[in-house]
Every structure is written in structure tokens, then in C-alpha cells.
Amino acid sequence: MSSVALIARALLAVVFVTAAAGKLADPPSFRRTVTEFGTPDAVAGTVTALLPFAELATAAALLLGASARWAGVAAAALLVVFLAGMLNALAHGRTPECNCFGQLTSSRIGWPTLARNVVLLAIAAVVVWKAPGSSLTAWTGSLAAANLLAGLAVVAC
């Protein structure tokens, strides 16, 4: 097993567990953050309820060798969604508090926040490239696996 992939997996797992724990510790603040990013009220409750558990599931899957590569894909998908939300907020002149890690740290989004997420996305790419687990092409060759992948994509979104 690649040491680089193992370190990348562990780092992402710590980041996602920390982020989820912070969100779960103060759901009202997290919901406020979600709405400040421009999420409609009708969806904000669902995002507030499900996102921390998606982060925890991704962290757990990163630690298991058999699912590490696909957990890297899930981590990358979550990070792309986070980046898109930040870019959308900035494009509309909004700079909400990130609260990415709940009460542990809070700062207005900006270039440092974007840069951090780009670095994390690069680390997720290393996991997808180097981590153990079935290859992406072999796994999606099976209809059942393709259905599972589609389900994971829906959960991640």
C-alpha cells in the first residue's frame, strides 16, 4: 500500500470527522450558515440534517481499504460541491461565515477558504489515484456497481 495514499486517506478522514462533529454540535448555527450560502429554506433543513452524516460516512469509508478509492471519489464530490457553493456565494457578493468545522473555527469565506478546499480536492485525487480498492473502470463495468455508484452520487449531492 502506498504510504502517500494512506496519509492522504487519514488526513481527509480527520478533516471530514472534524467538520461533521462541528456541524452536529451546533445544528442551528450550521443551518444559518447553509442559508447564508444561498440555499433555499426548503432545502436547508435537509442539507443541515444529512451533510454531517455524508461527511462521517466518507471518513469511515476512507479508512477501509476496500472502499478507499471510492471514498476518495465521494470526498472529491463533496469538496466540489463545497467549492461550487463558495464560488456561487462570492459571485453574488456574499461572504458568509464558513463554519466548515462548526464552532471550532469560523471565518468569512474568501480566497484562503477556496485554496484550502482546492488543496483538499488535490489530496482526494491522490486517494482516487493511489488508494487500494477496486479500480474505477472495473467497478463500474458491473451493472450492480454502476447502480451503487449512481446512488452514492445522489447521496453526495
N, C-alpha and C. Protein backbone atom coordinates (compact mmCIF):
# COMPACT_ATOMS: atom_id res chain seq x y z
N MET A 1 0.85 -1.17 0.00
CA MET A 1 0.00 0.00 0.00
C MET A 1 0.90 1.24 0.00
N SER A 2 0.49 2.23 -0.74
CA SER A 2 1.24 3.47 -0.84
C SER A 2 1.13 4.27 0.46
N SER A 3 2.28 4.66 1.00
CA SER A 3 2.28 5.49 2.21
C SER A 3 1.62 6.83 1.95
N VAL A 4 1.83 7.36 0.75
CA VAL A 4 1.23 8.65 0.39
C VAL A 4 -0.30 8.54 0.43
N ALA A 5 -0.82 7.46 -0.14
CA ALA A 5 -2.27 7.26 -0.14
C ALA A 5 -2.80 7.08 1.28
N LEU A 6 -2.07 6.37 2.11
CA LEU A 6 -2.51 6.15 3.49
C LEU A 6 -2.55 7.47 4.26
N ILE A 7 -1.54 8.29 4.09
CA ILE A 7 -1.50 9.60 4.75
C ILE A 7 -2.64 10.48 4.23
N ALA A 8 -2.86 10.46 2.92
CA ALA A 8 -3.94 11.26 2.32
C ALA A 8 -5.30 10.81 2.85
N ARG A 9 -5.50 9.51 2.93
CA ARG A 9 -6.77 8.97 3.45
C ARG A 9 -6.98 9.39 4.89
N ALA A 10 -5.95 9.26 5.71
CA ALA A 10 -6.05 9.63 7.12
C ALA A 10 -6.33 11.12 7.28
N LEU A 11 -5.65 11.94 6.51
CA LEU A 11 -5.85 13.39 6.59
C LEU A 11 -7.28 13.76 6.22
N LEU A 12 -7.77 13.22 5.12
CA LEU A 12 -9.14 13.52 4.71
C LEU A 12 -10.16 13.01 5.74
N ALA A 13 -9.90 11.84 6.30
CA ALA A 13 -10.82 11.29 7.31
C ALA A 13 -10.88 12.21 8.52
N VAL A 14 -9.74 12.70 8.97
CA VAL A 14 -9.72 13.62 10.12
C VAL A 14 -10.47 14.90 9.77
N VAL A 15 -10.25 15.43 8.58
CA VAL A 15 -10.93 16.66 8.17
C VAL A 15 -12.44 16.46 8.15
N PHE A 16 -12.91 15.36 7.56
CA PHE A 16 -14.35 15.13 7.45
C PHE A 16 -14.99 14.81 8.81
N VAL A 17 -14.30 14.08 9.68
CA VAL A 17 -14.85 13.81 11.01
C VAL A 17 -14.93 15.11 11.81
N THR A 18 -13.88 15.91 11.75
CA THR A 18 -13.87 17.19 12.47
C THR A 18 -14.98 18.10 11.97
N ALA A 19 -15.14 18.17 10.66
CA ALA A 19 -16.19 19.01 10.07
C ALA A 19 -17.58 18.53 10.50
N ALA A 20 -17.79 17.23 10.45
CA ALA A 20 -19.10 16.68 10.82
C ALA A 20 -19.38 16.92 12.30
N ALA A 21 -18.39 16.69 13.15
CA ALA A 21 -18.58 16.88 14.59
C ALA A 21 -18.93 18.33 14.91
N GLY A 22 -18.27 19.26 14.25
CA GLY A 22 -18.57 20.67 14.47
C GLY A 22 -19.98 21.03 14.05
N LYS A 23 -20.43 20.47 12.95
CA LYS A 23 -21.79 20.75 12.46
C LYS A 23 -22.84 20.12 13.38
N LEU A 24 -22.57 18.89 13.83
CA LEU A 24 -23.52 18.20 14.70
C LEU A 24 -23.59 18.83 16.10
N ALA A 25 -22.53 19.50 16.51
CA ALA A 25 -22.51 20.13 17.83
C ALA A 25 -23.41 21.36 17.91
N ASP A 26 -23.67 22.00 16.76
CA ASP A 26 -24.48 23.22 16.76
C ASP A 26 -25.32 23.31 15.48
N PRO A 27 -26.36 22.46 15.37
CA PRO A 27 -27.18 22.46 14.16
C PRO A 27 -27.80 23.82 13.80
N PRO A 28 -28.28 24.61 14.77
CA PRO A 28 -28.86 25.90 14.38
C PRO A 28 -27.85 26.84 13.69
N SER A 29 -26.62 26.87 14.18
CA SER A 29 -25.60 27.70 13.53
C SER A 29 -25.27 27.16 12.15
N PHE A 30 -25.20 25.83 12.04
CA PHE A 30 -24.91 25.24 10.74
C PHE A 30 -26.03 25.55 9.75
N ARG A 31 -27.27 25.45 10.19
CA ARG A 31 -28.39 25.76 9.29
C ARG A 31 -28.33 27.23 8.86
N ARG A 32 -28.00 28.12 9.77
CA ARG A 32 -27.87 29.53 9.43
C ARG A 32 -26.79 29.72 8.36
N THR A 33 -25.68 29.01 8.52
CA THR A 33 -24.61 29.08 7.53
C THR A 33 -25.08 28.58 6.18
N VAL A 34 -25.80 27.47 6.19
CA VAL A 34 -26.29 26.90 4.93
C VAL A 34 -27.18 27.90 4.20
N THR A 35 -28.07 28.58 4.93
CA THR A 35 -28.95 29.55 4.28
C THR A 35 -28.18 30.80 3.85
N GLU A 36 -27.15 31.21 4.61
CA GLU A 36 -26.35 32.36 4.21
C GLU A 36 -25.59 32.10 2.92
N PHE A 37 -25.33 30.83 2.62
CA PHE A 37 -24.68 30.49 1.36
C PHE A 37 -25.65 30.57 0.19
N GLY A 38 -26.93 30.76 0.47
CA GLY A 38 -27.91 30.91 -0.60
C GLY A 38 -28.77 29.69 -0.82
N THR A 39 -28.67 28.70 0.06
CA THR A 39 -29.51 27.51 -0.06
C THR A 39 -30.94 27.88 0.30
N PRO A 40 -31.90 27.51 -0.55
CA PRO A 40 -33.30 27.82 -0.24
C PRO A 40 -33.74 27.17 1.08
N ASP A 41 -34.61 27.85 1.81
CA ASP A 41 -35.08 27.34 3.10
C ASP A 41 -35.68 25.93 2.98
N ALA A 42 -36.34 25.66 1.86
CA ALA A 42 -36.98 24.35 1.67
C ALA A 42 -35.95 23.21 1.65
N VAL A 43 -34.71 23.52 1.31
CA VAL A 43 -33.66 22.51 1.20
C VAL A 43 -32.69 22.58 2.37
N ALA A 44 -32.61 23.73 3.01
CA ALA A 44 -31.61 23.95 4.06
C ALA A 44 -31.72 22.94 5.20
N GLY A 45 -32.93 22.59 5.60
CA GLY A 45 -33.11 21.61 6.67
C GLY A 45 -32.56 20.25 6.31
N THR A 46 -32.79 19.84 5.07
CA THR A 46 -32.29 18.55 4.61
C THR A 46 -30.77 18.55 4.56
N VAL A 47 -30.20 19.62 4.03
CA VAL A 47 -28.74 19.73 3.97
C VAL A 47 -28.16 19.71 5.38
N THR A 48 -28.76 20.46 6.28
CA THR A 48 -28.28 20.52 7.66
C THR A 48 -28.33 19.15 8.32
N ALA A 49 -29.37 18.40 8.04
CA ALA A 49 -29.53 17.08 8.66
C ALA A 49 -28.61 16.03 8.05
N LEU A 50 -28.42 16.07 6.73
CA LEU A 50 -27.72 14.97 6.06
C LEU A 50 -26.23 15.19 5.83
N LEU A 51 -25.79 16.42 5.62
CA LEU A 51 -24.39 16.65 5.27
C LEU A 51 -23.41 16.11 6.30
N PRO A 52 -23.61 16.33 7.59
CA PRO A 52 -22.64 15.77 8.55
C PRO A 52 -22.53 14.24 8.46
N PHE A 53 -23.65 13.57 8.18
CA PHE A 53 -23.61 12.11 8.08
C PHE A 53 -22.94 11.65 6.79
N ALA A 54 -23.07 12.44 5.72
CA ALA A 54 -22.34 12.14 4.49
C ALA A 54 -20.84 12.29 4.74
N GLU A 55 -20.46 13.31 5.51
CA GLU A 55 -19.05 13.50 5.84
C GLU A 55 -18.53 12.36 6.71
N LEU A 56 -19.32 11.92 7.68
CA LEU A 56 -18.91 10.80 8.54
C LEU A 56 -18.79 9.51 7.75
N ALA A 57 -19.74 9.26 6.86
CA ALA A 57 -19.70 8.04 6.04
C ALA A 57 -18.47 8.06 5.13
N THR A 58 -18.17 9.22 4.57
CA THR A 58 -16.99 9.34 3.71
C THR A 58 -15.73 9.08 4.52
N ALA A 59 -15.66 9.65 5.72
CA ALA A 59 -14.48 9.44 6.58
C ALA A 59 -14.30 7.96 6.91
N ALA A 60 -15.38 7.30 7.27
CA ALA A 60 -15.30 5.87 7.61
C ALA A 60 -14.85 5.06 6.40
N ALA A 61 -15.40 5.35 5.25
CA ALA A 61 -15.04 4.61 4.03
C ALA A 61 -13.59 4.85 3.64
N LEU A 62 -13.06 6.03 3.94
CA LEU A 62 -11.66 6.32 3.65
C LEU A 62 -10.72 5.42 4.45
N LEU A 63 -11.15 5.01 5.62
CA LEU A 63 -10.30 4.21 6.48
C LEU A 63 -10.31 2.72 6.14
N LEU A 64 -11.29 2.29 5.36
CA LEU A 64 -11.37 0.88 4.94
C LEU A 64 -10.70 0.72 3.59
N GLY A 65 -9.77 -0.22 3.51
CA GLY A 65 -9.03 -0.42 2.28
C GLY A 65 -9.89 -0.72 1.07
N ALA A 66 -10.90 -1.56 1.25
CA ALA A 66 -11.72 -1.98 0.12
C ALA A 66 -12.52 -0.83 -0.49
N SER A 67 -12.84 0.17 0.32
CA SER A 67 -13.67 1.27 -0.18
C SER A 67 -12.90 2.58 -0.32
N ALA A 68 -11.60 2.55 -0.07
CA ALA A 68 -10.82 3.79 -0.02
C ALA A 68 -10.88 4.58 -1.32
N ARG A 69 -10.74 3.90 -2.43
CA ARG A 69 -10.74 4.62 -3.71
C ARG A 69 -12.08 5.30 -3.94
N TRP A 70 -13.17 4.60 -3.68
CA TRP A 70 -14.49 5.19 -3.89
C TRP A 70 -14.80 6.26 -2.86
N ALA A 71 -14.25 6.11 -1.66
CA ALA A 71 -14.39 7.17 -0.67
C ALA A 71 -13.66 8.43 -1.13
N GLY A 72 -12.55 8.24 -1.83
CA GLY A 72 -11.85 9.38 -2.43
C GLY A 72 -12.73 10.09 -3.45
N VAL A 73 -13.48 9.31 -4.22
CA VAL A 73 -14.41 9.90 -5.19
C VAL A 73 -15.51 10.67 -4.44
N ALA A 74 -16.03 10.09 -3.37
CA ALA A 74 -17.07 10.77 -2.58
C ALA A 74 -16.51 12.05 -1.95
N ALA A 75 -15.30 11.98 -1.42
CA ALA A 75 -14.66 13.16 -0.83
C ALA A 75 -14.49 14.25 -1.88
N ALA A 76 -14.03 13.86 -3.07
CA ALA A 76 -13.85 14.83 -4.14
C ALA A 76 -15.20 15.45 -4.53
N ALA A 77 -16.24 14.64 -4.59
CA ALA A 77 -17.57 15.16 -4.95
C ALA A 77 -18.05 16.17 -3.90
N LEU A 78 -17.89 15.84 -2.62
CA LEU A 78 -18.29 16.77 -1.57
C LEU A 78 -17.49 18.07 -1.67
N LEU A 79 -16.21 17.96 -1.90
CA LEU A 79 -15.37 19.16 -1.99
C LEU A 79 -15.72 20.01 -3.20
N VAL A 80 -16.08 19.38 -4.30
CA VAL A 80 -16.51 20.14 -5.48
C VAL A 80 -17.81 20.89 -5.17
N VAL A 81 -18.73 20.22 -4.47
CA VAL A 81 -19.99 20.89 -4.08
C VAL A 81 -19.69 22.07 -3.16
N PHE A 82 -18.78 21.89 -2.20
CA PHE A 82 -18.41 22.98 -1.29
C PHE A 82 -17.80 24.14 -2.07
N LEU A 83 -16.89 23.81 -2.98
CA LEU A 83 -16.26 24.86 -3.80
C LEU A 83 -17.30 25.60 -4.64
N ALA A 84 -18.22 24.86 -5.23
CA ALA A 84 -19.26 25.49 -6.05
C ALA A 84 -20.11 26.43 -5.20
N GLY A 85 -20.45 26.00 -3.99
CA GLY A 85 -21.23 26.85 -3.09
C GLY A 85 -20.49 28.12 -2.73
N MET A 86 -19.20 28.00 -2.46
CA MET A 86 -18.39 29.18 -2.13
C MET A 86 -18.27 30.12 -3.32
N LEU A 87 -17.99 29.56 -4.48
CA LEU A 87 -17.86 30.39 -5.67
C LEU A 87 -19.18 31.08 -6.00
N ASN A 88 -20.28 30.38 -5.83
CA ASN A 88 -21.59 30.98 -6.08
C ASN A 88 -21.85 32.12 -5.11
N ALA A 89 -21.56 31.91 -3.84
CA ALA A 89 -21.76 32.97 -2.85
C ALA A 89 -20.89 34.18 -3.17
N LEU A 90 -19.63 33.95 -3.47
CA LEU A 90 -18.73 35.06 -3.79
C LEU A 90 -19.16 35.80 -5.05
N ALA A 91 -19.64 35.04 -6.04
CA ALA A 91 -20.09 35.66 -7.29
C ALA A 91 -21.31 36.56 -7.07
N HIS A 92 -22.07 36.26 -6.03
CA HIS A 92 -23.26 37.07 -5.71
C HIS A 92 -22.98 38.09 -4.61
N GLY A 93 -21.71 38.31 -4.32
CA GLY A 93 -21.33 39.33 -3.36
C GLY A 93 -21.54 38.94 -1.91
N ARG A 94 -21.75 37.65 -1.65
CA ARG A 94 -21.95 37.19 -0.28
C ARG A 94 -20.65 36.61 0.25
N THR A 95 -20.33 36.92 1.49
CA THR A 95 -19.17 36.32 2.15
C THR A 95 -19.60 35.79 3.53
N PRO A 96 -20.40 34.73 3.51
CA PRO A 96 -20.89 34.19 4.79
C PRO A 96 -19.77 33.58 5.61
N GLU A 97 -20.05 33.43 6.90
CA GLU A 97 -19.13 32.69 7.76
C GLU A 97 -19.08 31.26 7.24
N CYS A 98 -17.89 30.72 7.15
CA CYS A 98 -17.76 29.36 6.63
C CYS A 98 -18.32 28.34 7.61
N ASN A 99 -17.91 28.39 8.87
CA ASN A 99 -18.34 27.39 9.86
C ASN A 99 -18.13 25.97 9.34
N CYS A 100 -17.12 25.80 8.50
CA CYS A 100 -16.84 24.48 7.92
C CYS A 100 -16.57 23.43 9.00
N PHE A 101 -16.04 23.88 10.13
CA PHE A 101 -15.73 22.98 11.22
C PHE A 101 -16.53 23.34 12.46
N GLY A 102 -17.72 23.88 12.23
CA GLY A 102 -18.61 24.23 13.33
C GLY A 102 -18.02 25.30 14.22
N GLN A 103 -18.13 25.08 15.52
CA GLN A 103 -17.67 26.07 16.49
C GLN A 103 -16.15 26.07 16.64
N LEU A 104 -15.47 25.09 16.07
CA LEU A 104 -14.02 25.03 16.22
C LEU A 104 -13.33 26.20 15.54
N THR A 105 -13.84 26.58 14.39
CA THR A 105 -13.26 27.71 13.66
C THR A 105 -14.33 28.31 12.77
N SER A 106 -14.30 29.61 12.68
CA SER A 106 -15.28 30.28 11.86
C SER A 106 -14.64 31.52 11.26
N SER A 107 -14.73 31.66 9.96
CA SER A 107 -14.21 32.84 9.29
C SER A 107 -15.02 33.05 8.02
N ARG A 108 -15.02 34.25 7.54
CA ARG A 108 -15.72 34.56 6.29
C ARG A 108 -15.02 33.85 5.14
N ILE A 109 -15.82 33.38 4.18
CA ILE A 109 -15.21 32.71 3.03
C ILE A 109 -14.44 33.73 2.20
N GLY A 110 -13.44 33.25 1.53
CA GLY A 110 -12.60 34.08 0.68
C GLY A 110 -11.57 33.20 0.00
N TRP A 111 -10.54 33.82 -0.52
CA TRP A 111 -9.51 33.06 -1.24
C TRP A 111 -8.83 32.01 -0.36
N PRO A 112 -8.54 32.29 0.91
CA PRO A 112 -7.92 31.23 1.73
C PRO A 112 -8.82 30.00 1.87
N THR A 113 -10.13 30.22 2.00
CA THR A 113 -11.07 29.10 2.12
C THR A 113 -11.10 28.31 0.82
N LEU A 114 -11.14 29.03 -0.29
CA LEU A 114 -11.12 28.35 -1.59
C LEU A 114 -9.83 27.56 -1.77
N ALA A 115 -8.71 28.17 -1.42
CA ALA A 115 -7.41 27.50 -1.57
C ALA A 115 -7.35 26.23 -0.72
N ARG A 116 -7.85 26.31 0.51
CA ARG A 116 -7.86 25.13 1.37
C ARG A 116 -8.64 24.00 0.73
N ASN A 117 -9.81 24.31 0.17
CA ASN A 117 -10.62 23.27 -0.44
C ASN A 117 -10.01 22.73 -1.73
N VAL A 118 -9.30 23.55 -2.46
CA VAL A 118 -8.60 23.07 -3.66
C VAL A 118 -7.49 22.10 -3.25
N VAL A 119 -6.77 22.42 -2.18
CA VAL A 119 -5.72 21.51 -1.68
C VAL A 119 -6.35 20.19 -1.23
N LEU A 120 -7.46 20.27 -0.50
CA LEU A 120 -8.14 19.04 -0.08
C LEU A 120 -8.63 18.24 -1.29
N LEU A 121 -9.09 18.92 -2.31
CA LEU A 121 -9.52 18.24 -3.54
C LEU A 121 -8.34 17.53 -4.20
N ALA A 122 -7.18 18.16 -4.20
CA ALA A 122 -5.98 17.51 -4.75
C ALA A 122 -5.61 16.27 -3.93
N ILE A 123 -5.77 16.35 -2.62
CA ILE A 123 -5.49 15.20 -1.76
C ILE A 123 -6.49 14.08 -2.06
N ALA A 124 -7.74 14.43 -2.28
CA ALA A 124 -8.75 13.42 -2.64
C ALA A 124 -8.39 12.77 -3.98
N ALA A 125 -7.84 13.55 -4.90
CA ALA A 125 -7.42 13.00 -6.20
C ALA A 125 -6.29 11.98 -6.01
N VAL A 126 -5.39 12.24 -5.08
CA VAL A 126 -4.32 11.28 -4.78
C VAL A 126 -4.93 9.99 -4.25
N VAL A 127 -5.94 10.10 -3.41
CA VAL A 127 -6.60 8.90 -2.87
C VAL A 127 -7.23 8.10 -4.01
N VAL A 128 -7.93 8.79 -4.91
CA VAL A 128 -8.56 8.10 -6.04
C VAL A 128 -7.50 7.41 -6.90
N TRP A 129 -6.37 8.04 -7.06
CA TRP A 129 -5.31 7.52 -7.93
C TRP A 129 -4.53 6.39 -7.28
N LYS A 130 -4.21 6.54 -5.99
CA LYS A 130 -3.26 5.62 -5.35
C LYS A 130 -3.84 4.66 -4.32
N ALA A 131 -5.04 4.90 -3.85
CA ALA A 131 -5.57 4.09 -2.74
C ALA A 131 -5.93 2.69 -3.20
N PRO A 132 -5.99 1.76 -2.23
CA PRO A 132 -6.41 0.40 -2.58
C PRO A 132 -7.90 0.37 -2.87
N GLY A 133 -8.33 -0.75 -3.37
CA GLY A 133 -9.74 -0.93 -3.71
C GLY A 133 -9.84 -1.25 -5.19
N SER A 134 -11.02 -1.63 -5.59
CA SER A 134 -11.20 -2.00 -6.99
C SER A 134 -11.01 -0.77 -7.87
N SER A 135 -10.52 -1.02 -9.08
CA SER A 135 -10.28 0.09 -9.99
C SER A 135 -11.61 0.70 -10.40
N LEU A 136 -11.58 1.95 -10.75
CA LEU A 136 -12.80 2.64 -11.12
C LEU A 136 -13.44 2.02 -12.35
N THR A 137 -12.63 1.64 -13.33
CA THR A 137 -13.19 1.07 -14.55
C THR A 137 -13.72 -0.33 -14.31
N ALA A 138 -13.06 -1.13 -13.48
CA ALA A 138 -13.54 -2.48 -13.20
C ALA A 138 -14.84 -2.44 -12.41
N TRP A 139 -14.93 -1.53 -11.48
CA TRP A 139 -16.10 -1.48 -10.62
C TRP A 139 -17.32 -1.01 -11.38
N THR A 140 -17.16 -0.05 -12.27
CA THR A 140 -18.32 0.47 -12.99
C THR A 140 -18.70 -0.44 -14.15
N GLY A 141 -17.89 -1.47 -14.45
CA GLY A 141 -18.24 -2.40 -15.51
C GLY A 141 -19.41 -3.28 -15.14
N SER A 142 -19.70 -3.39 -13.88
CA SER A 142 -20.81 -4.20 -13.40
C SER A 142 -22.05 -3.33 -13.27
N LEU A 143 -23.17 -3.84 -13.73
CA LEU A 143 -24.41 -3.07 -13.65
C LEU A 143 -24.76 -2.76 -12.20
N ALA A 144 -24.58 -3.73 -11.31
CA ALA A 144 -24.89 -3.51 -9.90
C ALA A 144 -24.00 -2.41 -9.33
N ALA A 145 -22.72 -2.44 -9.69
CA ALA A 145 -21.80 -1.43 -9.20
C ALA A 145 -22.17 -0.06 -9.76
N ALA A 146 -22.58 -0.01 -11.01
CA ALA A 146 -22.98 1.26 -11.61
C ALA A 146 -24.20 1.83 -10.88
N ASN A 147 -25.13 0.96 -10.51
CA ASN A 147 -26.29 1.42 -9.74
C ASN A 147 -25.87 1.95 -8.38
N LEU A 148 -24.93 1.26 -7.74
CA LEU A 148 -24.44 1.71 -6.45
C LEU A 148 -23.74 3.06 -6.59
N LEU A 149 -22.95 3.21 -7.64
CA LEU A 149 -22.26 4.48 -7.89
C LEU A 149 -23.27 5.61 -8.08
N ALA A 150 -24.32 5.34 -8.83
CA ALA A 150 -25.35 6.37 -9.02
C ALA A 150 -26.02 6.73 -7.69
N GLY A 151 -26.24 5.73 -6.85
CA GLY A 151 -26.80 6.00 -5.53
C GLY A 151 -25.87 6.83 -4.67
N LEU A 152 -24.56 6.52 -4.71
CA LEU A 152 -23.58 7.30 -3.97
C LEU A 152 -23.53 8.74 -4.46
N ALA A 153 -23.64 8.92 -5.77
CA ALA A 153 -23.61 10.28 -6.33
C ALA A 153 -24.82 11.08 -5.86
N VAL A 154 -25.97 10.43 -5.79
CA VAL A 154 -27.19 11.12 -5.31
C VAL A 154 -27.02 11.51 -3.86
N VAL A 155 -26.49 10.59 -3.03
CA VAL A 155 -26.27 10.89 -1.62
C VAL A 155 -25.27 12.03 -1.46
N ALA A 156 -24.19 11.99 -2.23
CA ALA A 156 -23.17 13.05 -2.14
C ALA A 156 -23.74 14.40 -2.52
N CYS A 157 -24.58 14.42 -3.56
CA CYS A 157 -25.16 15.71 -3.97
C CYS A 157 -26.19 16.16 -2.97
